[in-house]
Protein backbone atom coordinates (compact mmCIF):
# COMPACT_ATOMS: atom_id res chain seq x y z
CA MET A 1 0.00 0.00 0.00
CA GLU A 2 1.35 3.37 -1.00
CA CYS A 3 1.82 5.73 1.89
CA VAL A 4 1.31 9.39 1.44
CA PRO A 5 3.80 11.67 3.20
CA VAL A 6 2.29 12.43 6.55
CA GLN A 7 1.59 16.04 7.42
CA LYS A 8 1.46 17.12 11.02
CA TYR A 9 -2.11 17.72 12.13
CA SER A 10 -3.13 18.60 15.63
CA ALA A 11 -6.34 17.25 17.16
CA ALA A 12 -8.06 20.59 16.70
CA SER A 13 -6.93 20.90 13.08
CA LEU A 14 -8.07 17.35 12.33
CA ILE A 15 -11.46 18.10 13.75
CA ARG A 16 -11.75 21.26 11.66
CA ASN A 17 -10.36 19.67 8.48
CA LYS A 18 -11.79 16.17 8.27
CA SER A 19 -11.35 15.94 4.49
CA ALA A 20 -7.61 16.33 4.83
CA ALA A 21 -7.51 13.67 7.49
CA GLU A 22 -9.39 11.17 5.35
CA THR A 23 -6.69 11.30 2.60
CA VAL A 24 -3.84 10.42 4.95
CA THR A 25 -2.86 6.87 5.87
CA ILE A 26 -0.30 5.84 8.48
CA SER A 27 0.95 2.26 8.17
CA GLY A 28 -2.35 1.08 6.71
CA TYR A 29 -4.57 2.82 9.28
CA LYS A 30 -6.74 5.68 8.20
CA VAL A 31 -6.44 8.86 10.17
CA GLU A 32 -10.24 8.91 10.28
CA LYS A 33 -10.07 6.41 13.13
CA LEU A 34 -7.60 8.63 14.93
CA LEU A 35 -9.94 11.52 14.24
CA LYS A 36 -12.78 9.74 16.01
CA TYR A 37 -10.60 9.15 19.05
CA ALA A 38 -9.44 12.77 18.96
CA ILE A 39 -13.05 14.00 18.85
CA ILE A 40 -14.02 11.78 21.80
CA ILE A 41 -11.03 12.95 23.85
CA HIS A 42 -11.65 16.58 22.91
CA ARG A 43 -15.31 16.38 23.98
CA TRP A 44 -14.41 14.59 27.21
CA ILE A 45 -11.84 17.26 28.14
CA SER A 46 -14.26 20.07 27.30
CA SER A 47 -17.06 18.52 29.37
CA SER A 48 -14.66 17.90 32.27
CA GLN A 49 -13.50 21.50 32.21
CA LEU A 50 -17.13 22.70 32.08
CA ASP A 51 -18.14 20.47 35.00
CA ALA A 52 -15.14 21.65 37.02
CA SER A 53 -15.97 25.30 36.35
CA ASN A 54 -19.61 24.72 37.29
CA GLN A 55 -18.60 22.97 40.51
CA LYS A 56 -16.28 25.84 41.41
CA GLY A 57 -19.06 28.36 40.75
CA VAL A 58 -21.54 26.45 42.91
CA PHE A 59 -18.92 26.08 45.63
CA ARG A 60 -18.23 29.83 45.61
CA MET A 61 -21.95 30.63 45.77
CA ASN A 62 -22.52 28.21 48.66
CA THR A 63 -19.46 29.55 50.49
CA TYR A 64 -20.53 33.18 50.12
CA HIS A 65 -24.08 32.34 51.18
CA GLN A 66 -22.87 30.42 54.24
CA PHE A 67 -20.43 33.18 55.20
CA PHE A 68 -22.91 36.05 55.06
CA SER A 69 -25.67 33.98 56.68
CA ALA A 70 -23.38 33.14 59.62
CA ALA A 71 -22.29 36.77 59.93
CA LEU A 72 -25.91 37.98 59.89
CA VAL A 73 -27.01 35.49 62.56
CA LEU A 74 -24.05 36.41 64.78
CA PHE A 75 -24.83 40.10 64.31
CA LEU A 76 -28.44 39.51 65.35
CA VAL A 77 -27.36 37.44 68.35
CA MET A 78 -24.94 40.14 69.52
CA ASP A 79 -27.96 42.46 69.39
CA PRO A 80 -26.24 45.87 69.18
CA ALA A 81 -29.59 47.66 68.83
CA GLY A 82 -30.86 46.01 72.00
CA ASN A 83 -27.63 46.64 73.90
CA LEU A 84 -27.45 50.26 72.81
CA PRO A 85 -29.92 51.65 75.40
CA ILE A 86 -28.04 49.79 78.15
CA PHE A 87 -24.69 51.17 76.97
CA VAL A 88 -26.12 54.67 76.80
CA ALA A 89 -27.57 54.39 80.31
CA LEU A 90 -24.38 52.96 81.86
CA LEU A 91 -22.05 55.43 80.11
CA LYS A 92 -24.18 58.56 80.32
CA ASN A 93 -21.77 60.26 82.76
CA GLU A 94 -18.73 59.70 80.50
CA ASP A 95 -17.52 62.10 77.84
CA SER A 96 -17.70 61.12 74.18
CA ARG A 97 -13.99 60.30 73.78
CA ASN A 98 -13.90 58.12 76.87
CA VAL A 99 -17.11 56.37 75.78
CA ARG A 100 -15.54 55.35 72.48
CA LYS A 101 -12.44 54.01 74.26
CA ILE A 102 -14.50 52.01 76.76
CA ILE A 103 -16.78 50.51 74.11
CA PHE A 104 -13.88 49.54 71.85
CA ARG A 105 -11.94 47.98 74.75
CA GLU A 106 -14.93 45.98 75.99
CA SER A 107 -15.81 44.90 72.45
CA LEU A 108 -12.22 43.72 71.97
CA PHE A 109 -12.44 41.67 75.18
CA ALA A 110 -15.68 40.14 73.92
CA LEU A 111 -14.08 39.27 70.56
CA VAL A 112 -11.17 37.49 72.29
CA ILE A 113 -13.58 35.48 74.45
CA LEU A 114 -15.68 34.45 71.44
CA LEU A 115 -12.56 33.49 69.48
CA LEU A 116 -11.41 31.27 72.36
CA PHE A 117 -14.73 29.45 72.36
CA LEU A 118 -14.59 29.23 68.56
CA LEU A 119 -11.15 27.61 68.63
CA CYS A 120 -11.99 25.25 71.49
CA GLY A 121 -15.42 24.29 70.19
CA ASP A 122 -14.52 20.71 69.19
CA MET A 123 -12.75 20.08 72.48
CA LEU A 124 -15.72 21.39 74.42
CA LEU A 125 -18.18 19.23 72.47
CA GLY A 126 -15.95 16.20 72.97
CA LEU A 127 -15.71 16.73 76.72
CA LEU A 128 -19.47 17.21 77.05
CA GLN A 129 -20.20 14.36 74.57
CA VAL A 130 -22.69 16.56 72.73
CA SER A 131 -23.68 15.89 69.12
CA GLN A 132 -24.00 18.59 66.49
CA ASN A 133 -27.73 17.97 66.06
CA SER A 134 -28.53 18.41 69.75
CA LEU A 135 -26.36 21.51 69.79
CA LYS A 136 -28.27 22.87 66.79
CA ILE A 137 -31.63 22.28 68.50
CA ALA A 138 -30.45 23.79 71.79
CA GLY A 139 -28.92 26.76 69.96
CA GLY A 140 -32.19 27.32 68.11
CA ILE A 141 -34.14 27.33 71.38
CA ILE A 142 -31.72 29.83 72.94
CA LEU A 143 -31.91 32.05 69.88
CA PHE A 144 -35.71 31.90 69.99
CA LEU A 145 -35.71 33.05 73.63
CA ILE A 146 -33.33 35.88 72.73
CA ALA A 147 -35.64 36.83 69.85
CA ILE A 148 -38.64 36.95 72.22
CA LYS A 149 -36.67 39.25 74.52
CA MET A 150 -35.75 41.48 71.58
CA ILE A 151 -39.35 41.68 70.35
CA PHE A 152 -41.08 42.36 73.67
CA GLY A 153 -38.22 44.17 75.43
CA SER A 154 -36.34 43.55 78.68
CA PRO A 155 -35.53 45.66 81.73
CA VAL A 156 -32.39 47.74 81.61
CA ILE A 157 -29.50 46.61 83.79
CA GLY A 158 -29.16 48.69 86.90
CA GLU A 159 -26.35 51.12 87.39
CA SER A 160 -24.08 48.91 89.44
CA HIS A 161 -20.88 50.56 88.21
CA ARG A 162 -21.25 54.00 89.71
CA ASP A 163 -17.49 54.52 89.89
CA GLY A 164 -17.34 54.58 86.09
CA LYS A 165 -14.87 51.68 85.84
CA PHE A 166 -15.90 48.97 83.41
CA LEU A 167 -13.81 45.85 82.89
CA LEU A 168 -15.32 42.80 81.16
CA VAL A 169 -18.55 42.91 83.22
CA PRO A 170 -21.24 43.82 82.24
CA LEU A 171 -20.38 45.37 78.87
CA ALA A 172 -18.14 42.68 77.36
CA VAL A 173 -19.79 39.81 79.24
CA PRO A 174 -22.71 39.16 79.10
CA LEU A 175 -23.99 42.00 76.87
CA ILE A 176 -21.77 41.32 73.83
CA ALA A 177 -20.29 37.87 74.50
CA GLY A 178 -23.33 36.42 76.19
CA PRO A 179 -24.48 32.79 76.45
CA SER A 180 -26.29 32.98 73.10
CA SER A 181 -23.22 34.36 71.29
CA ILE A 182 -20.98 31.72 72.85
CA ALA A 183 -23.40 28.91 71.94
CA MET A 184 -23.64 30.27 68.40
CA VAL A 185 -19.86 30.32 67.79
CA VAL A 186 -19.53 26.79 69.18
CA LEU A 187 -22.28 25.65 66.82
CA MET A 188 -20.62 27.42 63.89
CA HIS A 189 -17.28 25.74 64.60
CA ALA A 190 -19.01 22.35 64.59
CA THR A 191 -20.83 22.93 61.28
CA ALA A 192 -18.54 25.23 59.22
CA PRO A 193 -14.82 25.59 58.41
CA LEU A 194 -12.77 27.50 60.95
CA TRP A 195 -11.72 30.26 58.53
CA LEU A 196 -15.34 30.87 57.54
CA SER A 197 -16.54 30.98 61.16
CA ALA A 198 -13.71 33.32 62.20
CA GLY A 199 -14.36 35.64 59.24
CA ALA A 200 -18.09 35.75 59.93
CA LEU A 201 -17.42 36.45 63.61
CA PHE A 202 -15.04 39.30 62.78
CA LEU A 203 -17.49 40.85 60.29
CA ALA A 204 -20.37 40.69 62.78
CA TRP A 205 -18.12 42.09 65.53
CA CYS A 206 -17.06 45.04 63.34
CA ALA A 207 -20.67 45.92 62.52
CA SER A 208 -21.79 45.56 66.15
CA THR A 209 -18.88 47.64 67.48
CA ALA A 210 -19.48 50.39 64.92
CA ILE A 211 -23.14 50.64 65.96
CA LEU A 212 -22.27 50.75 69.66
CA ILE A 213 -19.55 53.40 69.19
CA THR A 214 -21.83 55.68 67.16
CA GLY A 215 -24.89 54.68 69.16
CA ARG A 216 -25.10 57.68 71.48
CA LYS A 217 -25.53 60.14 68.62
CA ALA A 218 -27.86 57.75 66.80
CA ALA A 219 -30.02 57.37 69.93
CA GLU A 220 -30.19 61.13 70.33
CA TRP A 221 -30.98 61.60 66.66
CA PHE A 222 -33.60 58.88 66.09
CA GLY A 223 -34.86 58.59 69.65
CA MET A 224 -35.32 55.51 71.80
CA SER A 225 -38.67 54.68 70.19
CA ALA A 226 -37.05 54.16 66.79
CA MET A 227 -34.24 52.11 68.35
CA ASN A 228 -36.78 49.89 70.12
CA ALA A 229 -38.66 49.40 66.85
CA LEU A 230 -35.42 48.42 65.11
CA GLU A 231 -34.65 45.93 67.88
CA SER A 232 -38.12 44.36 67.51
CA LEU A 233 -37.58 43.97 63.76
CA MET A 234 -34.20 42.30 64.31
CA GLY A 235 -35.81 40.03 66.92
CA PHE A 236 -38.47 38.95 64.42
CA ILE A 237 -35.78 38.01 61.88
CA LEU A 238 -33.83 36.11 64.54
CA ALA A 239 -37.01 34.22 65.56
CA ILE A 240 -37.42 32.98 61.97
CA VAL A 241 -33.79 31.81 61.86
CA SER A 242 -34.07 30.06 65.23
CA ILE A 243 -37.24 28.17 64.25
CA GLU A 244 -35.52 27.00 61.07
CA MET A 245 -32.54 25.75 63.11
CA ILE A 246 -34.85 23.78 65.44
CA ILE A 247 -36.79 22.23 62.55
CA SER A 248 -33.56 21.30 60.74
CA GLY A 249 -32.13 19.60 63.83
CA ILE A 250 -35.35 17.65 64.49
CA ARG A 251 -35.50 16.49 60.86
CA ILE A 252 -31.96 15.09 61.07
CA VAL A 253 -32.58 13.35 64.39
CA LEU A 254 -35.86 11.77 63.23
CA ASN A 255 -34.55 11.04 59.69
CA LEU A 256 -37.29 13.12 58.12
CA LYS A 257 -37.01 14.62 54.63
């Protein structure tokens, strides 16, 4: 069999120029067979690349959604709008500059405490022998109670610090880093990657601290009635989230769809 001098064709060029490929023979085998294999491989690589890109896009969307959802829930649990009247009442005898320093210092203490519980969440769950589902249900119940308090209001903490010295209690703990915030970060560590939980915690902390620092002027500007209405709205949103957490935990425990 006469062999035609072989020209160099790439897979892409063979696909585009099938007529040229059909005229070439290599040791008795038609290049058309090679063309079929090249087309199959080319389609397989293209579909693999498309699937990989789609998976990356879905992963990014799920990650962003989980991150901002966790940050929003933590922000609602920290309840800066609900804590604002208490901060204003406790710090009413301080000047504006000293108020900003006190709030930032106490918020920083609260952030350190929440980070410690975030890092030690697995160890704490292991020592208590608590499953993630029971923690989710308990966290949902606590969040629901906090939401009820936000909606219907709670009495303001008395002025127990008349000397004007605040250190950890009551501003950092329990107002910012309270039981609900601690339970929430432990739950987040058990159900989400550490970097995502830490980033969501930092974002929620920044927003809460900014509201508390600028809260005195905002309270004077809008009035306590508007602040109470805002707290009730945030409590309603938190109640919806807490009910969903409870239902999700019960479904997993009872193997319901």
